[in-house]
Protein backbone atom coordinates (compact mmCIF):
# COMPACT_ATOMS: atom_id res chain seq x y z
CA UNK A 1 15.02 17.55 -9.24
CA UNK A 2 12.81 20.28 -10.57
CA UNK A 3 13.07 23.59 -8.76
CA UNK A 4 9.26 23.80 -8.56
CA UNK A 5 9.35 20.80 -6.20
CA UNK A 6 11.83 22.40 -3.80
CA UNK A 7 11.00 24.83 -0.99
CA UNK A 8 13.02 27.93 -0.07
CA UNK A 9 15.37 25.96 2.17
CA UNK A 10 16.36 23.68 -0.71
CA UNK A 11 14.55 20.63 0.66
CA UNK A 12 11.85 18.78 -1.27
CA UNK A 13 8.27 19.68 -0.32
CA UNK A 14 6.69 17.32 2.17
CA UNK A 15 3.30 17.02 3.78
CA UNK A 16 2.60 19.91 6.19
CA UNK A 17 3.28 18.93 9.78
CA UNK A 18 2.57 20.28 13.23
CA UNK A 19 5.47 20.74 15.62
CA UNK A 20 4.76 19.11 18.98
CA UNK A 21 6.83 17.74 21.81
CA UNK A 22 6.40 14.57 23.82
CA UNK A 23 7.49 14.31 27.41
CA UNK A 24 8.45 10.78 28.41
CA UNK A 25 10.49 9.45 31.31
CA UNK A 26 14.13 8.74 30.44
CA UNK A 27 13.50 5.02 30.97
CA UNK A 28 10.90 5.05 28.16
CA UNK A 29 12.98 7.26 25.85
CA UNK A 30 15.85 4.77 26.15
CA UNK A 31 13.50 1.94 25.16
CA UNK A 32 12.14 3.99 22.23
CA UNK A 33 15.68 4.69 20.98
CA UNK A 34 16.49 0.98 21.20
CA UNK A 35 13.26 -0.06 19.42
CA UNK A 36 13.73 2.55 16.68
CA UNK A 37 17.17 1.35 15.53
CA UNK A 38 15.66 -0.11 12.31
CA UNK A 39 14.21 3.29 11.38
CA UNK A 40 15.88 6.42 10.06
CA UNK A 41 14.77 8.43 13.08
CA UNK A 42 12.74 8.27 16.26
CA UNK A 43 10.17 10.52 14.55
CA UNK A 44 9.73 7.97 11.76
CA UNK A 45 9.28 5.24 14.39
CA UNK A 46 6.59 7.28 16.18
CA UNK A 47 4.90 7.95 12.84
CA UNK A 48 4.73 4.22 12.13
CA UNK A 49 3.28 3.47 15.58
CA UNK A 50 0.60 6.14 15.23
CA UNK A 51 -0.31 5.13 11.68
CA UNK A 52 -0.54 1.45 12.69
CA UNK A 53 -2.90 2.34 15.52
CA UNK A 54 -5.06 4.58 13.31
CA UNK A 55 -5.30 1.83 10.69
CA UNK A 56 -6.36 -0.68 13.37
CA UNK A 57 -9.05 1.77 14.53
CA UNK A 58 -10.23 2.22 10.91
CA UNK A 59 -9.49 5.96 11.01
CA UNK A 60 -6.78 5.77 8.34
CA UNK A 61 -6.63 3.70 5.17
CA UNK A 62 -3.49 1.72 4.36
CA UNK A 63 -3.27 3.62 1.07
CA UNK A 64 -3.03 6.90 3.04
CA UNK A 65 0.01 5.72 5.02
CA UNK A 66 3.15 7.81 4.56
CA UNK A 67 5.66 5.98 2.41
CA UNK A 68 8.55 4.89 4.59
CA UNK A 69 12.13 4.96 3.39
CA UNK A 70 13.55 1.99 1.46
CA UNK A 71 15.78 1.19 4.42
CA UNK A 72 12.69 0.46 6.51
CA UNK A 73 10.87 -1.60 3.91
CA UNK A 74 13.70 -4.14 3.95
CA UNK A 75 13.54 -4.54 7.73
CA UNK A 76 9.77 -5.15 7.78
CA UNK A 77 9.72 -8.00 5.24
CA UNK A 78 10.30 -10.73 7.73
């Protein structure tokens, strides 16, 4: 990997993000954890849910969707 594509912490550059927190009842968090087992993280699961909704509302184009990891693409093929 080229050093120009790595930030100071040694991780590859990604899209800028805003740090937020979500407060959900424990009952819902447990369901989210269970539903997100096919994803790398709960954050990636939330990202997919939000992007799907924005695409349905015609606020985001499919081509603008964040590329999900290869692990996820296998689980969504059927």
